[in-house]
Amino acid sequence: MARTWLKVLWVGLTLWAATVIVTIVTANANLLPTIVLLGSFVVPVAFVVWAYEHGTSGEVTVPLLFGAFVVGGVLGVLGASLLETYLLHPSLWMYLGVGLIEEAVKLAALWFIARRMRVHTPRDGLVLGATVGFGFAAFESAGYAFNALFTVQGISVRAMVETEILRGMLTPLGHGLWTAIAGGVLFAAAARHRGRLRPLDGAVLLTYLGVAVLHALWDSMHGIAIATTLLLTGTIWQFQLLEHGYLPQATAAQNHLITVLNWIGLGAISVVALVWLRVLAARSRIGSPPPGPLP
């Protein structure tokens, strides 16, 4: 099997690391946008190539992939930004609202990109869904990296690099994975509607709600870990501070437990999503056409 995605990943990471080193050595601020773009796009692009290498029909071309990544990603972040600004307010259910909005706009972007395809196979839905999700993740990560650059102490290349490393490591388990699941079910449902994409199909709606819940749990996991730690190890004075509207300072042991619970929760969410994707991928092989050419 071709390993083009590995070449893309390692070449991209090498260029990113070289840019970071040169920027630190020369203090050349003109290189900061290059760090932001390379650090945000290398991993998502590599995993789009990985998804494409695992087989698609002739309907999925490189230009279509490019459109799904760029147009789908930009439409996703713009739609999410508008809806979250005007519809969401700080509350206990805010993260659920974020999950519902972002998964809806990514699904809508996928439908827009794929609406003129003549044939919709589940395998193509997985690949195009992943591509839209990774495009969304890339543009979102660029925003987070840019914001991390500016701190109260001034410009911090270190904070930006740390943000890109963390988000790059988590990228394969986030937006691309969730939208791949939704895309696979959306394209599979086309067979029940004479080849037409129907986002309001029952199975598609249930899948959308499922990935939105996974998204919400992922975003809120740190808060869930804090709440669980307080319930398990909280002291009287900590609960008294909470009653008066203050967030108590965690002890060293509690901070350790929060970190452990946070990563356990993220791991559990990832396992559920990966198993779900695996089942969809296995079903998509049944009756699928031969894979298209590799890039």
Protein backbone atom coordinates (compact mmCIF):
# COMPACT_ATOMS: atom_id res chain seq x y z
CA MET A 1 0.00 0.00 0.00
CA ALA A 2 1.27 3.47 -0.83
CA ARG A 3 2.61 5.58 2.02
CA THR A 4 2.30 9.00 0.44
CA TRP A 5 0.68 10.33 3.61
CA LEU A 6 3.81 9.52 5.62
CA LYS A 7 5.96 11.45 3.17
CA VAL A 8 3.60 14.42 3.41
CA LEU A 9 3.67 14.22 7.22
CA TRP A 10 7.43 13.97 7.65
CA VAL A 11 8.31 16.55 5.01
CA GLY A 12 5.77 18.96 6.48
CA LEU A 13 6.96 18.42 10.06
CA THR A 14 10.58 18.87 8.98
CA LEU A 15 9.79 22.17 7.27
CA TRP A 16 7.78 23.32 10.29
CA ALA A 17 10.58 22.45 12.73
CA ALA A 18 13.15 24.18 10.51
CA THR A 19 10.97 27.30 10.37
CA VAL A 20 10.59 27.34 14.16
CA ILE A 21 14.37 27.05 14.67
CA VAL A 22 15.20 29.76 12.12
CA THR A 23 12.57 32.06 13.62
CA ILE A 24 14.03 31.67 17.12
CA VAL A 25 17.61 32.11 15.92
CA THR A 26 16.94 35.14 13.72
CA ALA A 27 14.01 36.69 15.62
CA ASN A 28 12.41 37.26 12.20
CA ALA A 29 8.73 38.02 12.82
CA ASN A 30 7.97 37.59 9.11
CA LEU A 31 8.27 33.82 9.59
CA LEU A 32 5.51 33.63 12.24
CA PRO A 33 2.67 33.17 9.69
CA THR A 34 4.64 30.30 8.13
CA ILE A 35 4.84 28.58 11.51
CA VAL A 36 1.10 29.06 12.03
CA LEU A 37 0.17 27.69 8.59
CA LEU A 38 2.58 24.74 8.55
CA GLY A 39 1.82 23.74 12.12
CA SER A 40 -1.92 23.91 11.57
CA PHE A 41 -2.16 22.24 8.15
CA VAL A 42 0.53 19.51 8.02
CA VAL A 43 -1.27 16.89 10.12
CA PRO A 44 -4.78 17.47 8.67
CA VAL A 45 -3.46 17.35 5.08
CA ALA A 46 -1.45 14.19 5.78
CA PHE A 47 -4.52 12.41 7.15
CA VAL A 48 -6.63 13.50 4.19
CA VAL A 49 -4.05 11.80 1.95
CA TRP A 50 -4.18 8.76 4.26
CA ALA A 51 -7.97 8.58 3.90
CA TYR A 52 -7.72 8.91 0.12
CA GLU A 53 -5.11 6.17 -0.06
CA HIS A 54 -7.52 3.76 1.62
CA GLY A 55 -9.75 3.71 -1.42
CA THR A 56 -12.44 5.79 -3.12
CA SER A 57 -14.51 5.57 -6.27
CA GLY A 58 -13.72 7.50 -9.43
CA GLU A 59 -16.14 10.20 -8.27
CA VAL A 60 -13.67 11.50 -5.68
CA THR A 61 -11.00 13.44 -7.54
CA VAL A 62 -8.11 15.51 -6.21
CA PRO A 63 -9.89 18.80 -7.13
CA LEU A 64 -12.97 17.60 -5.22
CA LEU A 65 -10.80 16.76 -2.21
CA PHE A 66 -9.20 20.19 -2.40
CA GLY A 67 -12.63 21.82 -2.51
CA ALA A 68 -13.85 19.74 0.43
CA PHE A 69 -10.80 20.68 2.49
CA VAL A 70 -10.66 24.40 1.73
CA VAL A 71 -14.24 25.37 0.89
CA GLY A 72 -15.79 22.94 3.35
CA GLY A 73 -13.35 23.93 6.08
CA VAL A 74 -13.83 27.68 5.60
CA LEU A 75 -17.62 27.42 5.34
CA GLY A 76 -17.58 25.32 8.48
CA VAL A 77 -15.59 27.75 10.62
CA LEU A 78 -17.51 30.77 9.31
CA GLY A 79 -20.89 29.17 9.94
CA ALA A 80 -19.85 27.95 13.37
CA SER A 81 -18.50 31.37 14.33
CA LEU A 82 -21.71 33.15 13.34
CA LEU A 83 -24.07 30.68 14.98
CA GLU A 84 -22.06 30.34 18.19
CA THR A 85 -21.80 34.12 18.54
CA TYR A 86 -25.54 34.72 18.31
CA LEU A 87 -27.01 31.50 19.72
CA LEU A 88 -24.73 30.44 22.57
CA HIS A 89 -24.39 31.94 26.02
CA PRO A 90 -22.40 30.72 29.05
CA SER A 91 -24.36 27.88 30.63
CA LEU A 92 -24.10 24.25 31.69
CA TRP A 93 -25.19 23.17 28.19
CA MET A 94 -22.88 25.46 26.21
CA TYR A 95 -20.55 22.67 25.07
CA LEU A 96 -23.49 20.65 23.81
CA GLY A 97 -24.54 23.70 21.80
CA VAL A 98 -21.03 23.94 20.35
CA GLY A 99 -21.14 20.27 19.34
CA LEU A 100 -24.56 20.59 17.73
CA ILE A 101 -23.62 23.74 15.80
CA GLU A 102 -20.18 22.68 14.57
CA GLU A 103 -21.27 19.21 13.50
CA ALA A 104 -24.28 20.72 11.72
CA VAL A 105 -22.24 23.24 9.73
CA LYS A 106 -19.67 20.60 8.77
CA LEU A 107 -22.43 18.26 7.60
CA ALA A 108 -24.01 21.11 5.63
CA ALA A 109 -20.63 21.94 4.07
CA LEU A 110 -20.19 18.28 3.09
CA TRP A 111 -23.62 18.24 1.47
CA PHE A 112 -22.78 21.43 -0.45
CA ILE A 113 -19.50 19.97 -1.75
CA ALA A 114 -20.99 16.59 -2.71
CA ARG A 115 -24.40 17.68 -3.98
CA ARG A 116 -23.45 17.30 -7.68
CA MET A 117 -21.79 13.90 -7.41
CA ARG A 118 -23.52 11.31 -9.58
CA VAL A 119 -22.83 8.34 -7.28
CA HIS A 120 -22.60 8.40 -3.50
CA THR A 121 -20.89 5.40 -1.91
CA PRO A 122 -20.37 5.05 1.85
CA ARG A 123 -16.61 4.85 1.33
CA ASP A 124 -16.61 8.19 -0.51
CA GLY A 125 -18.70 9.66 2.28
CA LEU A 126 -16.14 8.59 4.87
CA VAL A 127 -13.28 10.14 2.88
CA LEU A 128 -15.03 13.39 1.97
CA GLY A 129 -16.45 13.74 5.47
CA ALA A 130 -12.98 13.32 6.94
CA THR A 131 -11.63 15.88 4.46
CA VAL A 132 -14.21 18.51 5.44
CA GLY A 133 -13.55 17.79 9.11
CA PHE A 134 -9.78 18.05 8.73
CA GLY A 135 -10.19 21.29 6.78
CA PHE A 136 -12.28 22.66 9.64
CA ALA A 137 -9.65 21.50 12.14
CA ALA A 138 -6.81 23.10 10.18
CA PHE A 139 -8.40 26.55 10.00
CA GLU A 140 -9.55 26.32 13.62
CA SER A 141 -6.05 25.32 14.78
CA ALA A 142 -4.56 28.26 12.88
CA GLY A 143 -6.81 30.56 14.89
CA TYR A 144 -5.84 28.95 18.19
CA ALA A 145 -2.13 29.14 17.30
CA PHE A 146 -2.44 32.81 16.34
CA ASN A 147 -4.19 33.63 19.63
CA ALA A 148 -1.60 31.69 21.63
CA LEU A 149 1.13 33.84 20.09
CA PHE A 150 0.00 36.90 22.05
CA THR A 151 0.39 36.71 25.84
CA VAL A 152 0.41 39.29 28.65
CA GLN A 153 4.21 39.16 28.52
CA GLY A 154 4.24 39.87 24.77
CA ILE A 155 4.71 37.63 21.72
CA SER A 156 5.46 34.02 22.73
CA VAL A 157 6.67 31.65 20.03
CA ARG A 158 6.90 28.93 22.67
CA ALA A 159 3.18 29.18 23.54
CA MET A 160 2.25 29.06 19.87
CA VAL A 161 4.45 26.03 19.20
CA GLU A 162 3.09 24.18 22.26
CA THR A 163 -0.47 24.86 21.09
CA GLU A 164 0.28 23.54 17.61
CA ILE A 165 1.97 20.40 18.95
CA LEU A 166 -0.95 19.57 21.25
CA ARG A 167 -3.62 20.22 18.64
CA GLY A 168 -1.61 18.37 15.99
CA MET A 169 -1.41 15.28 18.20
CA LEU A 170 -5.16 15.35 18.85
CA THR A 171 -6.23 16.24 15.28
CA PRO A 172 -6.75 12.63 14.04
CA LEU A 173 -9.21 12.02 16.90
CA GLY A 174 -11.35 15.12 16.52
CA HIS A 175 -13.20 16.91 13.72
CA GLY A 176 -12.00 14.65 10.90
CA LEU A 177 -13.10 11.51 12.71
CA TRP A 178 -16.54 12.83 13.68
CA THR A 179 -17.37 14.23 10.24
CA ALA A 180 -16.13 11.05 8.56
CA ILE A 181 -18.72 9.10 10.55
CA ALA A 182 -21.49 11.53 9.60
CA GLY A 183 -20.38 11.53 5.96
CA GLY A 184 -20.36 7.76 5.72
CA VAL A 185 -23.92 7.53 7.03
CA LEU A 186 -25.08 10.46 4.84
CA PHE A 187 -23.78 8.78 1.68
CA ALA A 188 -25.09 5.37 2.73
CA ALA A 189 -28.56 6.88 3.16
CA ALA A 190 -28.48 8.08 -0.46
CA ALA A 191 -29.25 4.52 -1.55
CA ARG A 192 -32.64 4.81 0.19
CA HIS A 193 -33.43 8.08 -1.58
CA ARG A 194 -32.70 7.22 -5.23
CA GLY A 195 -29.14 8.43 -5.03
CA ARG A 196 -29.94 11.83 -3.50
CA LEU A 197 -28.31 13.17 -0.37
CA ARG A 198 -30.88 13.67 2.37
CA PRO A 199 -29.40 15.21 5.56
CA LEU A 200 -32.81 14.92 7.25
CA ASP A 201 -32.88 11.12 6.90
CA GLY A 202 -33.54 9.42 10.24
CA ALA A 203 -30.25 7.52 10.36
CA VAL A 204 -28.33 10.67 9.41
CA LEU A 205 -30.03 12.71 12.13
CA LEU A 206 -29.30 10.08 14.79
CA THR A 207 -25.67 9.93 13.66
CA TYR A 208 -25.44 13.71 13.73
CA LEU A 209 -26.73 13.77 17.31
CA GLY A 210 -24.30 11.00 18.26
CA VAL A 211 -21.20 12.75 16.93
CA ALA A 212 -22.40 16.06 18.39
CA VAL A 213 -22.56 14.41 21.83
CA LEU A 214 -19.05 12.98 21.36
CA HIS A 215 -17.88 16.46 20.35
CA ALA A 216 -19.52 18.04 23.40
CA LEU A 217 -18.01 15.47 25.78
CA TRP A 218 -14.58 16.02 24.21
CA ASP A 219 -14.76 19.80 24.70
CA SER A 220 -16.12 19.57 28.25
CA MET A 221 -13.90 16.72 29.46
CA HIS A 222 -11.55 18.97 31.44
CA GLY A 223 -14.51 20.44 33.34
CA ILE A 224 -15.94 16.96 33.89
CA ALA A 225 -12.55 15.85 35.26
CA ILE A 226 -12.49 18.81 37.68
CA ALA A 227 -16.03 18.10 38.89
CA THR A 228 -15.30 14.38 39.31
CA THR A 229 -12.11 15.14 41.24
CA LEU A 230 -13.97 17.45 43.62
CA LEU A 231 -16.66 14.85 44.20
CA LEU A 232 -14.06 12.17 44.96
CA THR A 233 -11.47 14.15 46.90
CA GLY A 234 -13.02 17.53 47.73
CA THR A 235 -12.55 18.96 51.22
CA ILE A 236 -15.04 20.90 53.35
CA TRP A 237 -13.35 24.26 52.73
CA GLN A 238 -13.38 23.66 48.97
CA PHE A 239 -17.12 23.00 48.97
CA GLN A 240 -17.66 26.07 51.16
CA LEU A 241 -15.82 28.22 48.62
CA LEU A 242 -17.97 26.75 45.83
CA GLU A 243 -21.13 27.61 47.76
CA HIS A 244 -19.97 31.24 47.88
CA GLY A 245 -19.24 31.34 44.15
CA TYR A 246 -15.46 30.89 44.28
CA LEU A 247 -13.40 28.25 42.48
CA PRO A 248 -11.13 26.62 45.08
CA GLN A 249 -7.43 26.05 44.44
CA ALA A 250 -6.72 22.39 43.68
CA THR A 251 -4.00 20.54 45.58
CA ALA A 252 -1.06 18.91 43.78
CA ALA A 253 -2.69 15.49 44.14
CA GLN A 254 -5.98 16.81 42.80
CA ASN A 255 -4.25 18.41 39.80
CA HIS A 256 -2.67 15.06 39.02
CA LEU A 257 -6.03 13.30 39.26
CA ILE A 258 -7.67 15.93 37.05
CA THR A 259 -5.05 15.33 34.36
CA VAL A 260 -5.44 11.55 34.58
CA LEU A 261 -9.25 11.67 34.42
CA ASN A 262 -9.13 14.15 31.54
CA TRP A 263 -6.93 11.90 29.40
CA ILE A 264 -8.90 8.78 30.34
CA GLY A 265 -12.09 10.52 29.23
CA LEU A 266 -10.57 11.71 25.93
CA GLY A 267 -9.26 8.20 25.33
CA ALA A 268 -12.68 6.65 25.94
CA ILE A 269 -14.36 9.11 23.55
CA SER A 270 -11.74 8.35 20.90
CA VAL A 271 -12.20 4.59 21.26
CA VAL A 272 -15.98 4.91 20.81
CA ALA A 273 -15.54 7.06 17.69
CA LEU A 274 -12.84 4.83 16.20
CA VAL A 275 -14.91 1.68 16.71
CA TRP A 276 -17.91 3.43 15.13
CA LEU A 277 -15.77 4.45 12.15
CA ARG A 278 -14.34 0.95 11.87
CA VAL A 279 -17.82 -0.58 11.67
CA LEU A 280 -18.85 1.91 8.96
CA ALA A 281 -15.65 1.27 7.01
CA ALA A 282 -16.18 -2.50 7.16
CA ARG A 283 -19.76 -2.13 5.90
CA SER A 284 -18.65 0.20 3.11
CA ARG A 285 -16.39 -2.49 1.63
CA ILE A 286 -19.41 -4.64 0.81
CA GLY A 287 -20.37 -3.91 -2.77
CA SER A 288 -17.97 -0.99 -3.11
CA PRO A 289 -16.36 -0.31 -6.50
CA PRO A 290 -12.62 -0.77 -6.92
CA PRO A 291 -10.51 1.98 -5.36
CA GLY A 292 -9.58 4.95 -7.50
CA PRO A 293 -6.01 5.92 -8.38
CA LEU A 294 -3.69 7.04 -5.61
CA PRO A 295 -2.39 10.61 -5.59
